[in-house]
C-alpha atoms as a PDB file:
ATOM      1  CA  MET A   1      -0.020   0.232  -0.298  1.00  0.00           C
ATOM      2  CA  SER A   2       1.136   3.554  -0.953  1.00  0.00           C
ATOM      3  CA  GLU A   3       2.108   6.238   1.916  1.00  0.00           C
ATOM      4  CA  SER A   4      -0.591   8.579   2.430  1.00  0.00           C
ATOM      5  CA  THR A   5       1.191  11.429   2.101  1.00  0.00           C
ATOM      6  CA  PRO A   6      -0.834  13.237  -1.059  1.00  0.00           C
ATOM      7  CA  GLN A   7       0.761  14.441  -4.332  1.00  0.00           C
ATOM      8  CA  ALA A   8      -0.328  17.588  -5.205  1.00  0.00           C
ATOM      9  CA  LYS A   9      -0.308  16.363  -9.295  1.00  0.00           C
ATOM     10  CA  GLY A  10      -3.739  14.710  -8.888  1.00  0.00           C
ATOM     11  CA  PRO A  11      -7.096  16.113  -9.307  1.00  0.00           C
ATOM     12  CA  ALA A  12      -8.101  19.463  -7.086  1.00  0.00           C
ATOM     13  CA  PRO A  13      -9.505  18.121  -3.610  1.00  0.00           C
ATOM     14  CA  VAL A  14     -12.980  19.041  -2.893  1.00  0.00           C
ATOM     15  CA  GLN A  15     -13.762  20.833   0.637  1.00  0.00           C
ATOM     16  CA  LEU A  16     -17.798  19.547   1.804  1.00  0.00           C
ATOM     17  CA  THR A  17     -18.959  21.378   4.635  1.00  0.00           C
ATOM     18  CA  PRO A  18     -22.469  20.975   5.923  1.00  0.00           C
ATOM     19  CA  GLN A  19     -23.287  24.973   4.291  1.00  0.00           C
ATOM     20  CA  THR A  20     -22.621  23.802   0.760  1.00  0.00           C
ATOM     21  CA  THR A  21     -25.075  21.615  -1.746  1.00  0.00           C
ATOM     22  CA  GLU A  22     -21.926  21.633  -4.158  1.00  0.00           C
ATOM     23  CA  PRO A  23     -18.200  20.586  -3.493  1.00  0.00           C
ATOM     24  CA  ALA A  24     -15.869  24.088  -3.510  1.00  0.00           C
ATOM     25  CA  LEU A  25     -12.637  22.677  -5.659  1.00  0.00           C
ATOM     26  CA  ILE A  26      -9.578  23.613  -4.809  1.00  0.00           C
ATOM     27  CA  PRO A  27      -6.403  23.335  -6.606  1.00  0.00           C
ATOM     28  CA  ALA A  28      -4.201  20.558  -5.650  1.00  0.00           C
ATOM     29  CA  ASP A  29      -1.030  22.461  -5.444  1.00  0.00           C
ATOM     30  CA  GLN A  30      -3.000  25.236  -2.801  1.00  0.00           C
ATOM     31  CA  VAL A  31      -3.884  21.996  -0.166  1.00  0.00           C
ATOM     32  CA  LYS A  32      -1.084  22.075   2.543  1.00  0.00           C
ATOM     33  CA  PRO A  33      -0.126  17.974   3.080  1.00  0.00           C
ATOM     34  CA  GLU A  34      -1.206  17.905   6.620  1.00  0.00           C
ATOM     35  CA  ASP A  35      -4.773  19.439   5.250  1.00  0.00           C
ATOM     36  CA  ALA A  36      -5.489  16.227   2.439  1.00  0.00           C
ATOM     37  CA  GLY A  37      -7.707  13.571   4.365  1.00  0.00           C
ATOM     38  CA  THR A  38      -6.371  10.159   4.621  1.00  0.00           C
ATOM     39  CA  LEU A  39      -8.536   7.629   2.536  1.00  0.00           C
ATOM     40  CA  ALA A  40      -9.257   4.174   3.778  1.00  0.00           C
ATOM     41  CA  ILE A  41     -11.499   1.277   2.220  1.00  0.00           C
ATOM     42  CA  GLU A  42     -13.753  -0.612   4.390  1.00  0.00           C
ATOM     43  CA  TYR A  43     -16.215  -2.855   3.837  1.00  0.00           C
ATOM     44  CA  ARG A  44     -20.065  -2.100   5.607  1.00  0.00           C
ATOM     45  CA  GLU A  45     -22.744  -4.596   5.000  1.00  0.00           C
ATOM     46  CA  GLY A  46     -20.573  -5.995   2.179  1.00  0.00           C
ATOM     47  CA  LYS A  47     -20.296  -2.860   0.430  1.00  0.00           C
ATOM     48  CA  PRO A  48     -17.235  -0.727  -0.174  1.00  0.00           C
ATOM     49  CA  VAL A  49     -17.025   2.490   1.675  1.00  0.00           C
ATOM     50  CA  ILE A  50     -14.074   5.183   1.417  1.00  0.00           C
ATOM     51  CA  VAL A  51     -13.447   6.461   4.651  1.00  0.00           C
ATOM     52  CA  VAL A  52     -11.697   9.728   5.379  1.00  0.00           C
ATOM     53  CA  SER A  53      -9.945  10.370   8.679  1.00  0.00           C
ATOM     54  CA  GLY A  54      -8.064  13.772   9.520  1.00  0.00           C
ATOM     55  CA  GLY A  55      -7.676  16.873   7.150  1.00  0.00           C
ATOM     56  CA  LYS A  56     -10.157  19.163   5.776  1.00  0.00           C
ATOM     57  CA  TYR A  57      -9.935  18.136   1.908  1.00  0.00           C
ATOM     58  CA  ILE A  58     -10.758  14.925  -0.193  1.00  0.00           C
ATOM     59  CA  PRO A  59      -9.952  14.584  -3.319  1.00  0.00           C
ATOM     60  CA  ALA A  60     -12.434  15.624  -6.338  1.00  0.00           C
ATOM     61  CA  GLY A  61     -11.283  12.537  -8.265  1.00  0.00           C
ATOM     62  CA  LEU A  62      -9.580   8.806  -7.733  1.00  0.00           C
ATOM     63  CA  THR A  63      -8.279   6.510  -9.841  1.00  0.00           C
ATOM     64  CA  VAL A  64      -7.887   2.674  -9.080  1.00  0.00           C
ATOM     65  CA  VAL A  65      -5.575   0.913 -10.379  1.00  0.00           C
ATOM     66  CA  ASP A  66      -4.491  -2.808 -10.374  1.00  0.00           C
ATOM     67  CA  GLY A  67      -1.381  -4.384  -9.027  1.00  0.00           C
ATOM     68  CA  ALA A  68       0.488  -3.837 -11.783  1.00  0.00           C
ATOM     69  CA  GLY A  69      -0.122  -0.059 -11.524  1.00  0.00           C
ATOM     70  CA  ASN A  70      -2.540   0.260 -14.702  1.00  0.00           C
ATOM     71  CA  ALA A  71      -5.737   2.405 -14.561  1.00  0.00           C
ATOM     72  CA  VAL A  72      -8.988  -0.168 -14.285  1.00  0.00           C
ATOM     73  CA  ALA A  73     -11.747   2.492 -13.161  1.00  0.00           C
ATOM     74  CA  ALA A  74     -12.345   6.411 -12.069  1.00  0.00           C
ATOM     75  CA  TYR A  75     -14.848   7.914  -9.822  1.00  0.00           C
ATOM     76  CA  ASN A  76     -15.501  11.603  -9.199  1.00  0.00           C
ATOM     77  CA  ALA A  77     -16.261  13.189  -5.793  1.00  0.00           C
ATOM     78  CA  GLY A  78     -20.038  14.843  -5.328  1.00  0.00           C
ATOM     79  CA  PRO A  79     -22.493  15.268  -2.921  1.00  0.00           C
ATOM     80  CA  ALA A  80     -23.754  12.069  -0.804  1.00  0.00           C
ATOM     81  CA  GLN A  81     -27.068  10.883  -2.299  1.00  0.00           C
ATOM     82  CA  LYS A  82     -29.768   9.255   0.045  1.00  0.00           C
ATOM     83  CA  GLY A  83     -30.644   5.321  -0.894  1.00  0.00           C
ATOM     84  CA  ILE A  84     -33.904   4.793  -2.180  1.00  0.00           C
ATOM     85  CA  TYR A  85     -34.738   2.686   0.509  1.00  0.00           C
ATOM     86  CA  THR A  86     -33.847   5.559   3.021  1.00  0.00           C
ATOM     87  CA  TYR A  87     -37.309   7.678   1.330  1.00  0.00           C
ATOM     88  CA  ALA A  88     -39.259   4.415   2.087  1.00  0.00           C
ATOM     89  CA  TYR A  89     -38.114   4.214   6.164  1.00  0.00           C
ATOM     90  CA  ASP A  90     -38.483   8.195   6.169  1.00  0.00           C
ATOM     91  CA  PHE A  91     -42.464   7.295   4.985  1.00  0.00           C
ATOM     92  CA  TYR A  92     -42.825   4.748   7.717  1.00  0.00           C
ATOM     93  CA  ASN A  93     -41.566   6.617  10.455  1.00  0.00           C
ATOM     94  CA  GLN A  94     -43.662   9.636   9.311  1.00  0.00           C
ATOM     95  CA  GLY A  95     -46.436   6.756   9.431  1.00  0.00           C
ATOM     96  CA  ARG A  96     -47.301   6.789   5.643  1.00  0.00           C
ATOM     97  CA  LEU A  97     -47.072   2.896   5.118  1.00  0.00           C
ATOM     98  CA  ASP A  98     -48.809   3.152   1.818  1.00  0.00           C
ATOM     99  CA  ASP A  99     -45.996   5.330   0.399  1.00  0.00           C
ATOM    100  CA  ALA A 100     -43.459   3.336   1.756  1.00  0.00           C
ATOM    101  CA  GLU A 101     -44.906   0.037   0.315  1.00  0.00           C
ATOM    102  CA  VAL A 102     -44.332   1.437  -2.910  1.00  0.00           C
ATOM    103  CA  PHE A 103     -40.548   0.863  -2.903  1.00  0.00           C
ATOM    104  CA  PHE A 104     -41.013  -2.331  -1.900  1.00  0.00           C
ATOM    105  CA  ARG A 105     -43.549  -3.466  -4.793  1.00  0.00           C
END
């Protein structure tokens, strides 16, 4: 596994704050190494999740490479979205059972 020291050559990092709905792009060369979050991949309920720790910024994009270093996929950051079943549970918790059942038909 590579070191967690960020390289300033990659895509612009993103800073997400509770007050914003869109990420603010910051050029990578303007981010101090100590302000870059460290990324790790965990599996939760069988699904991969990228976990950030420390820092103020996350990368705007990620490249996935195989063992030989060949790029095999790319991902772009954006605001988190609610899963479709989250809406069903919201309806259920509001007592709107008919609306919640629509998601399970």
